[in-house]
Every structure is written in C-alpha cells, then in structure tokens.
C-alpha cells in the first residue's frame, strides 16, 4: 500500500466512523411544524414598543409593562 492509497483508505474509514451531526439537524427540521420570522422596518419605528407587547402575547411570554418600566430612559449595558 503506497502513501496515497493509505490516505484515501484512512479518509474513507474516518468518514464512516465519525458521527454525522447533519443528519440529526435534518430530523429536527422535519419535526418543526412551522418557522416564524418577523420582518421589522426600523425606519418606521417610533419607539412605542407595541411590537414587543404583541410578540410576547402571541408566544405566551412575559408581556412587558411598557407604560411604567422606563426601559427607554435607562442606560443599559449591551
């Protein structure tokens, strides 16, 4: 067996032995019923935060109290 044949055989064996994580990701995508994306035009944003309330309510998450939390007045770390 020459060097070239050794590398070809080694690569073939390694490809068969190493688990393929892409197969798992494919199955996860098939189980998902729906993919939802949100398109936001930030040039039309007036800072009312109603999009946050609507999104939180639609997904059953915590709905922020935008009237009293003063989120836009506070300096926040990123």
PDB file of N, CA and C in Angstrom:
ATOM      1  N   UNK A   1       0.865  -1.179   0.000  1.00  0.00           N
ATOM      2  CA  UNK A   1       0.000   0.000   0.000  1.00  0.00           C
ATOM      3  C   UNK A   1       0.905   1.234   0.000  1.00  0.00           C
ATOM      4  N   UNK A   2       0.722   2.076  -0.993  1.00  0.00           N
ATOM      5  CA  UNK A   2       1.521   3.291  -1.056  1.00  0.00           C
ATOM      6  C   UNK A   2       0.880   4.388  -0.200  1.00  0.00           C
ATOM      7  N   UNK A   3       1.558   5.495  -0.089  1.00  0.00           N
ATOM      8  CA  UNK A   3       1.109   6.597   0.768  1.00  0.00           C
ATOM      9  C   UNK A   3      -0.244   7.153   0.324  1.00  0.00           C
ATOM     10  N   UNK A   4      -0.427   7.309  -0.962  1.00  0.00           N
ATOM     11  CA  UNK A   4      -1.688   7.853  -1.491  1.00  0.00           C
ATOM     12  C   UNK A   4      -2.862   6.938  -1.150  1.00  0.00           C
ATOM     13  N   UNK A   5      -2.685   5.653  -1.350  1.00  0.00           N
ATOM     14  CA  UNK A   5      -3.750   4.691  -1.047  1.00  0.00           C
ATOM     15  C   UNK A   5      -4.044   4.671   0.455  1.00  0.00           C
ATOM     16  N   UNK A   6      -2.995   4.840   1.278  1.00  0.00           N
ATOM     17  CA  UNK A   6      -3.189   4.885   2.727  1.00  0.00           C
ATOM     18  C   UNK A   6      -4.082   6.060   3.126  1.00  0.00           C
ATOM     19  N   UNK A   7      -3.822   7.239   2.561  1.00  0.00           N
ATOM     20  CA  UNK A   7      -4.634   8.413   2.889  1.00  0.00           C
ATOM     21  C   UNK A   7      -6.072   8.265   2.398  1.00  0.00           C
ATOM     22  N   UNK A   8      -6.259   7.712   1.235  1.00  0.00           N
ATOM     23  CA  UNK A   8      -7.614   7.505   0.711  1.00  0.00           C
ATOM     24  C   UNK A   8      -8.379   6.539   1.603  1.00  0.00           C
ATOM     25  N   UNK A   9      -7.743   5.448   1.993  1.00  0.00           N
ATOM     26  CA  UNK A   9      -8.392   4.462   2.863  1.00  0.00           C
ATOM     27  C   UNK A   9      -8.681   5.057   4.236  1.00  0.00           C
ATOM     28  N   UNK A  10      -7.728   5.804   4.783  1.00  0.00           N
ATOM     29  CA  UNK A  10      -7.926   6.428   6.098  1.00  0.00           C
ATOM     30  C   UNK A  10      -9.080   7.420   6.077  1.00  0.00           C
ATOM     31  N   UNK A  11      -9.172   8.220   5.026  1.00  0.00           N
ATOM     32  CA  UNK A  11     -10.259   9.194   4.920  1.00  0.00           C
ATOM     33  C   UNK A  11     -11.606   8.502   4.787  1.00  0.00           C
ATOM     34  N   UNK A  12     -11.649   7.404   4.045  1.00  0.00           N
ATOM     35  CA  UNK A  12     -12.896   6.659   3.880  1.00  0.00           C
ATOM     36  C   UNK A  12     -13.347   6.061   5.206  1.00  0.00           C
ATOM     37  N   UNK A  13     -12.420   5.482   5.942  1.00  0.00           N
ATOM     38  CA  UNK A  13     -12.755   4.896   7.244  1.00  0.00           C
ATOM     39  C   UNK A  13     -13.184   5.981   8.218  1.00  0.00           C
ATOM     40  N   UNK A  14     -12.469   7.099   8.242  1.00  0.00           N
ATOM     41  CA  UNK A  14     -12.806   8.194   9.160  1.00  0.00           C
ATOM     42  C   UNK A  14     -14.186   8.761   8.851  1.00  0.00           C
ATOM     43  N   UNK A  15     -14.525   8.878   7.579  1.00  0.00           N
ATOM     44  CA  UNK A  15     -15.840   9.407   7.210  1.00  0.00           C
ATOM     45  C   UNK A  15     -16.957   8.479   7.669  1.00  0.00           C
ATOM     46  N   UNK A  16     -16.699   7.201   7.706  1.00  0.00           N
ATOM     47  CA  UNK A  16     -17.712   6.253   8.155  1.00  0.00           C
ATOM     48  C   UNK A  16     -17.807   6.150   9.664  1.00  0.00           C
ATOM     49  N   UNK A  17     -16.718   6.440  10.359  1.00  0.00           N
ATOM     50  CA  UNK A  17     -16.680   6.298  11.813  1.00  0.00           C
ATOM     51  C   UNK A  17     -17.171   7.551  12.521  1.00  0.00           C
ATOM     52  N   UNK A  18     -16.823   8.720  12.015  1.00  0.00           N
ATOM     53  CA  UNK A  18     -17.196   9.985  12.653  1.00  0.00           C
ATOM     54  C   UNK A  18     -18.697  10.191  12.504  1.00  0.00           C
ATOM     55  N   UNK A  19     -19.410  10.425  13.623  1.00  0.00           N
ATOM     56  CA  UNK A  19     -20.867  10.627  13.518  1.00  0.00           C
ATOM     57  C   UNK A  19     -21.192  11.884  12.726  1.00  0.00           C
ATOM     58  N   UNK A  20     -22.239  11.794  11.973  1.00  0.00           N
ATOM     59  CA  UNK A  20     -22.651  12.913  11.128  1.00  0.00           C
ATOM     60  C   UNK A  20     -23.761  13.680  11.834  1.00  0.00           C
ATOM     61  N   UNK A  21     -23.448  14.856  12.360  1.00  0.00           N
ATOM     62  CA  UNK A  21     -24.426  15.668  13.079  1.00  0.00           C
ATOM     63  C   UNK A  21     -25.450  16.299  12.155  1.00  0.00           C
ATOM     64  N   UNK A  22     -25.169  16.373  10.870  1.00  0.00           N
ATOM     65  CA  UNK A  22     -26.125  16.960   9.931  1.00  0.00           C
ATOM     66  C   UNK A  22     -27.398  16.137   9.831  1.00  0.00           C
ATOM     67  N   UNK A  23     -27.298  14.846  10.028  1.00  0.00           N
ATOM     68  CA  UNK A  23     -28.490  14.006   9.977  1.00  0.00           C
ATOM     69  C   UNK A  23     -29.436  14.338  11.124  1.00  0.00           C
ATOM     70  N   UNK A  24     -28.891  14.609  12.287  1.00  0.00           N
ATOM     71  CA  UNK A  24     -29.723  14.979  13.428  1.00  0.00           C
ATOM     72  C   UNK A  24     -30.407  16.317  13.183  1.00  0.00           C
ATOM     73  N   UNK A  25     -29.700  17.248  12.613  1.00  0.00           N
ATOM     74  CA  UNK A  25     -30.282  18.556  12.333  1.00  0.00           C
ATOM     75  C   UNK A  25     -31.398  18.438  11.310  1.00  0.00           C
ATOM     76  N   UNK A  26     -31.247  17.559  10.337  1.00  0.00           N
ATOM     77  CA  UNK A  26     -32.292  17.351   9.340  1.00  0.00           C
ATOM     78  C   UNK A  26     -33.570  16.837   9.988  1.00  0.00           C
ATOM     79  N   UNK A  27     -33.433  15.901  10.921  1.00  0.00           N
ATOM     80  CA  UNK A  27     -34.612  15.363  11.598  1.00  0.00           C
ATOM     81  C   UNK A  27     -35.296  16.424  12.440  1.00  0.00           C
ATOM     82  N   UNK A  28     -34.521  17.288  13.065  1.00  0.00           N
ATOM     83  CA  UNK A  28     -35.098  18.349  13.889  1.00  0.00           C
ATOM     84  C   UNK A  28     -35.907  19.306  13.032  1.00  0.00           C
ATOM     85  N   UNK A  29     -35.438  19.577  11.841  1.00  0.00           N
ATOM     86  CA  UNK A  29     -36.176  20.474  10.956  1.00  0.00           C
ATOM     87  C   UNK A  29     -37.495  19.861  10.523  1.00  0.00           C
ATOM     88  N   UNK A  30     -37.516  18.566  10.301  1.00  0.00           N
ATOM     89  CA  UNK A  30     -38.741  17.904   9.865  1.00  0.00           C
ATOM     90  C   UNK A  30     -39.788  17.878  10.972  1.00  0.00           C
ATOM     91  N   UNK A  31     -39.346  17.816  12.234  1.00  0.00           N
ATOM     92  CA  UNK A  31     -40.282  17.791  13.350  1.00  0.00           C
ATOM     93  C   UNK A  31     -40.936  19.147  13.577  1.00  0.00           C
ATOM     94  N   UNK A  32     -40.262  20.203  13.201  1.00  0.00           N
ATOM     95  CA  UNK A  32     -40.804  21.540  13.378  1.00  0.00           C
ATOM     96  C   UNK A  32     -41.991  21.737  12.454  1.00  0.00           C
ATOM     97  N   UNK A  33     -43.099  22.188  13.017  1.00  0.00           N
ATOM     98  CA  UNK A  33     -44.307  22.357  12.225  1.00  0.00           C
ATOM     99  C   UNK A  33     -44.280  23.639  11.412  1.00  0.00           C
ATOM    100  N   UNK A  34     -43.729  24.685  11.989  1.00  0.00           N
ATOM    101  CA  UNK A  34     -43.779  25.970  11.318  1.00  0.00           C
ATOM    102  C   UNK A  34     -42.595  26.818  11.752  1.00  0.00           C
ATOM    103  N   UNK A  35     -42.047  27.547  10.817  1.00  0.00           N
ATOM    104  CA  UNK A  35     -40.993  28.500  11.137  1.00  0.00           C
ATOM    105  C   UNK A  35     -41.582  29.892  11.003  1.00  0.00           C
ATOM    106  N   UNK A  36     -41.398  30.678  12.035  1.00  0.00           N
ATOM    107  CA  UNK A  36     -41.972  32.017  12.032  1.00  0.00           C
ATOM    108  C   UNK A  36     -40.837  33.027  12.066  1.00  0.00           C
ATOM    109  N   UNK A  37     -40.913  33.983  11.197  1.00  0.00           N
ATOM    110  CA  UNK A  37     -39.951  35.073  11.179  1.00  0.00           C
ATOM    111  C   UNK A  37     -40.688  36.391  11.270  1.00  0.00           C
ATOM    112  N   UNK A  38     -39.994  37.388  11.752  1.00  0.00           N
ATOM    113  CA  UNK A  38     -40.606  38.707  11.881  1.00  0.00           C
ATOM    114  C   UNK A  38     -39.760  39.694  11.094  1.00  0.00           C
ATOM    115  N   UNK A  39     -40.412  40.425  10.243  1.00  0.00           N
ATOM    116  CA  UNK A  39     -39.738  41.464   9.483  1.00  0.00           C
ATOM    117  C   UNK A  39     -40.117  42.804  10.087  1.00  0.00           C
ATOM    118  N   UNK A  40     -39.110  43.560  10.492  1.00  0.00           N
ATOM    119  CA  UNK A  40     -39.352  44.847  11.128  1.00  0.00           C
ATOM    120  C   UNK A  40     -38.673  45.930  10.307  1.00  0.00           C
ATOM    121  N   UNK A  41     -39.432  46.946   9.956  1.00  0.00           N
ATOM    122  CA  UNK A  41     -38.876  48.096   9.250  1.00  0.00           C
ATOM    123  C   UNK A  41     -38.499  49.132  10.303  1.00  0.00           C
ATOM    124  N   UNK A  42     -37.223  49.159  10.670  1.00  0.00           N
ATOM    125  CA  UNK A  42     -36.783  50.046  11.749  1.00  0.00           C
ATOM    126  C   UNK A  42     -36.823  51.515  11.358  1.00  0.00           C
ATOM    127  N   UNK A  43     -36.963  51.806  10.084  1.00  0.00           N
ATOM    128  CA  UNK A  43     -37.065  53.209   9.682  1.00  0.00           C
ATOM    129  C   UNK A  43     -38.423  53.790  10.040  1.00  0.00           C
ATOM    130  N   UNK A  44     -39.394  52.920  10.317  1.00  0.00           N
ATOM    131  CA  UNK A  44     -40.728  53.389  10.686  1.00  0.00           C
ATOM    132  C   UNK A  44     -40.974  53.300  12.193  1.00  0.00           C
ATOM    133  N   UNK A  45     -39.980  52.870  12.950  1.00  0.00           N
ATOM    134  CA  UNK A  45     -40.120  52.706  14.391  1.00  0.00           C
ATOM    135  C   UNK A  45     -40.209  54.068  15.071  1.00  0.00           C
ATOM    136  N   UNK A  46     -41.226  54.202  15.946  1.00  0.00           N
ATOM    137  CA  UNK A  46     -41.368  55.444  16.709  1.00  0.00           C
ATOM    138  C   UNK A  46     -41.097  55.216  18.191  1.00  0.00           C
ATOM    139  N   UNK A  47     -40.674  53.993  18.538  1.00  0.00           N
ATOM    140  CA  UNK A  47     -40.308  53.689  19.912  1.00  0.00           C
ATOM    141  C   UNK A  47     -41.467  53.360  20.831  1.00  0.00           C
ATOM    142  N   UNK A  48     -42.627  53.015  20.284  1.00  0.00           N
ATOM    143  CA  UNK A  48     -43.796  52.761  21.132  1.00  0.00           C
ATOM    144  C   UNK A  48     -43.743  51.391  21.808  1.00  0.00           C
ATOM    145  N   UNK A  49     -42.914  50.481  21.299  1.00  0.00           N
ATOM    146  CA  UNK A  49     -42.706  49.146  21.855  1.00  0.00           C
ATOM    147  C   UNK A  49     -43.940  48.261  21.778  1.00  0.00           C
ATOM    148  N   UNK A  50     -44.929  48.632  21.000  1.00  0.00           N
ATOM    149  CA  UNK A  50     -46.112  47.776  20.869  1.00  0.00           C
ATOM    150  C   UNK A  50     -45.760  46.458  20.187  1.00  0.00           C
ATOM    151  N   UNK A  51     -44.699  46.438  19.395  1.00  0.00           N
ATOM    152  CA  UNK A  51     -44.266  45.189  18.768  1.00  0.00           C
ATOM    153  C   UNK A  51     -43.813  44.184  19.831  1.00  0.00           C
ATOM    154  N   UNK A  52     -43.174  44.670  20.903  1.00  0.00           N
ATOM    155  CA  UNK A  52     -42.751  43.795  21.993  1.00  0.00           C
ATOM    156  C   UNK A  52     -43.952  43.177  22.690  1.00  0.00           C
ATOM    157  N   UNK A  53     -44.956  43.986  22.946  1.00  0.00           N
ATOM    158  CA  UNK A  53     -46.163  43.502  23.616  1.00  0.00           C
ATOM    159  C   UNK A  53     -46.871  42.474  22.744  1.00  0.00           C
ATOM    160  N   UNK A  54     -47.022  42.768  21.459  1.00  0.00           N
ATOM    161  CA  UNK A  54     -47.718  41.859  20.552  1.00  0.00           C
ATOM    162  C   UNK A  54     -46.977  40.532  20.419  1.00  0.00           C
ATOM    163  N   UNK A  55     -45.679  40.581  20.295  1.00  0.00           N
ATOM    164  CA  UNK A  55     -44.885  39.360  20.161  1.00  0.00           C
ATOM    165  C   UNK A  55     -44.960  38.518  21.435  1.00  0.00           C
ATOM    166  N   UNK A  56     -44.816  39.162  22.579  1.00  0.00           N
ATOM    167  CA  UNK A  56     -44.878  38.441  23.851  1.00  0.00           C
ATOM    168  C   UNK A  56     -46.240  37.804  24.061  1.00  0.00           C
ATOM    169  N   UNK A  57     -47.297  38.520  23.722  1.00  0.00           N
ATOM    170  CA  UNK A  57     -48.647  37.982  23.880  1.00  0.00           C
ATOM    171  C   UNK A  57     -48.887  36.821  22.920  1.00  0.00           C
ATOM    172  N   UNK A  58     -48.390  36.930  21.706  1.00  0.00           N
ATOM    173  CA  UNK A  58     -48.603  35.880  20.712  1.00  0.00           C
ATOM    174  C   UNK A  58     -47.898  34.584  21.087  1.00  0.00           C
ATOM    175  N   UNK A  59     -46.732  34.678  21.703  1.00  0.00           N
ATOM    176  CA  UNK A  59     -45.968  33.493  22.054  1.00  0.00           C
ATOM    177  C   UNK A  59     -46.164  33.058  23.501  1.00  0.00           C
ATOM    178  N   UNK A  60     -47.005  33.763  24.247  1.00  0.00           N
ATOM    179  CA  UNK A  60     -47.275  33.369  25.627  1.00  0.00           C
ATOM    180  C   UNK A  60     -46.127  33.654  26.574  1.00  0.00           C
ATOM    181  N   UNK A  61     -45.324  34.633  26.265  1.00  0.00           N
ATOM    182  CA  UNK A  61     -44.209  35.016  27.128  1.00  0.00           C
ATOM    183  C   UNK A  61     -44.634  36.148  28.055  1.00  0.00           C
ATOM    184  N   UNK A  62     -43.695  36.573  28.894  1.00  0.00           N
ATOM    185  CA  UNK A  62     -43.936  37.702  29.777  1.00  0.00           C
ATOM    186  C   UNK A  62     -44.207  38.939  28.932  1.00  0.00           C
ATOM    187  N   UNK A  63     -45.317  39.596  29.184  1.00  0.00           N
ATOM    188  CA  UNK A  63     -45.674  40.811  28.453  1.00  0.00           C
ATOM    189  C   UNK A  63     -45.148  42.004  29.240  1.00  0.00           C
ATOM    190  N   UNK A  64     -44.220  42.765  28.664  1.00  0.00           N
ATOM    191  CA  UNK A  64     -43.643  43.890  29.399  1.00  0.00           C
ATOM    192  C   UNK A  64     -44.661  44.999  29.626  1.00  0.00           C
ATOM    193  N   UNK A  65     -44.540  45.641  30.783  1.00  0.00           N
ATOM    194  CA  UNK A  65     -45.397  46.784  31.089  1.00  0.00           C
ATOM    195  C   UNK A  65     -44.708  48.022  30.529  1.00  0.00           C
ATOM    196  N   UNK A  66     -45.017  48.354  29.299  1.00  0.00           N
ATOM    197  CA  UNK A  66     -44.302  49.435  28.625  1.00  0.00           C
ATOM    198  C   UNK A  66     -44.680  50.810  29.144  1.00  0.00           C
ATOM    199  N   UNK A  67     -45.756  50.883  29.904  1.00  0.00           N
ATOM    200  CA  UNK A  67     -46.196  52.176  30.440  1.00  0.00           C
ATOM    201  C   UNK A  67     -45.303  52.645  31.588  1.00  0.00           C
ATOM    202  N   UNK A  68     -44.844  51.711  32.421  1.00  0.00           N
ATOM    203  CA  UNK A  68     -44.160  52.113  33.656  1.00  0.00           C
ATOM    204  C   UNK A  68     -42.727  51.607  33.805  1.00  0.00           C
ATOM    205  N   UNK A  69     -42.204  50.825  32.877  1.00  0.00           N
ATOM    206  CA  UNK A  69     -40.874  50.257  33.114  1.00  0.00           C
ATOM    207  C   UNK A  69     -39.717  51.192  32.753  1.00  0.00           C
ATOM    208  N   UNK A  70     -39.985  52.291  32.075  1.00  0.00           N
ATOM    209  CA  UNK A  70     -38.964  53.292  31.736  1.00  0.00           C
ATOM    210  C   UNK A  70     -37.734  52.684  31.061  1.00  0.00           C
ATOM    211  N   UNK A  71     -37.933  51.680  30.236  1.00  0.00           N
ATOM    212  CA  UNK A  71     -36.813  50.992  29.589  1.00  0.00           C
ATOM    213  C   UNK A  71     -36.041  51.902  28.650  1.00  0.00           C
ATOM    214  N   UNK A  72     -36.711  52.830  28.019  1.00  0.00           N
ATOM    215  CA  UNK A  72     -36.019  53.702  27.073  1.00  0.00           C
ATOM    216  C   UNK A  72     -35.294  54.849  27.761  1.00  0.00           C
ATOM    217  N   UNK A  73     -35.636  55.125  29.005  1.00  0.00           N
ATOM    218  CA  UNK A  73     -34.983  56.203  29.740  1.00  0.00           C
ATOM    219  C   UNK A  73     -33.725  55.733  30.462  1.00  0.00           C
ATOM    220  N   UNK A  74     -33.603  54.439  30.710  1.00  0.00           N
ATOM    221  CA  UNK A  74     -32.459  53.895  31.436  1.00  0.00           C
ATOM    222  C   UNK A  74     -31.290  53.646  30.499  1.00  0.00           C
ATOM    223  N   UNK A  75     -30.090  53.808  31.022  1.00  0.00           N
ATOM    224  CA  UNK A  75     -28.885  53.449  30.283  1.00  0.00           C
ATOM    225  C   UNK A  75     -28.639  51.969  30.543  1.00  0.00           C
ATOM    226  N   UNK A  76     -28.579  51.206  29.458  1.00  0.00           N
ATOM    227  CA  UNK A  76     -28.417  49.762  29.590  1.00  0.00           C
ATOM    228  C   UNK A  76     -27.093  49.328  28.986  1.00  0.00           C
ATOM    229  N   UNK A  77     -26.513  48.294  29.583  1.00  0.00           N
ATOM    230  CA  UNK A  77     -25.301  47.691  29.032  1.00  0.00           C
ATOM    231  C   UNK A  77     -25.700  46.738  27.920  1.00  0.00           C
ATOM    232  N   UNK A  78     -24.848  46.653  26.914  1.00  0.00           N
ATOM    233  CA  UNK A  78     -25.129  45.720  25.828  1.00  0.00           C
ATOM    234  C   UNK A  78     -24.380  44.440  26.011  1.00  0.00           C
TER     235      UNK A  78
END
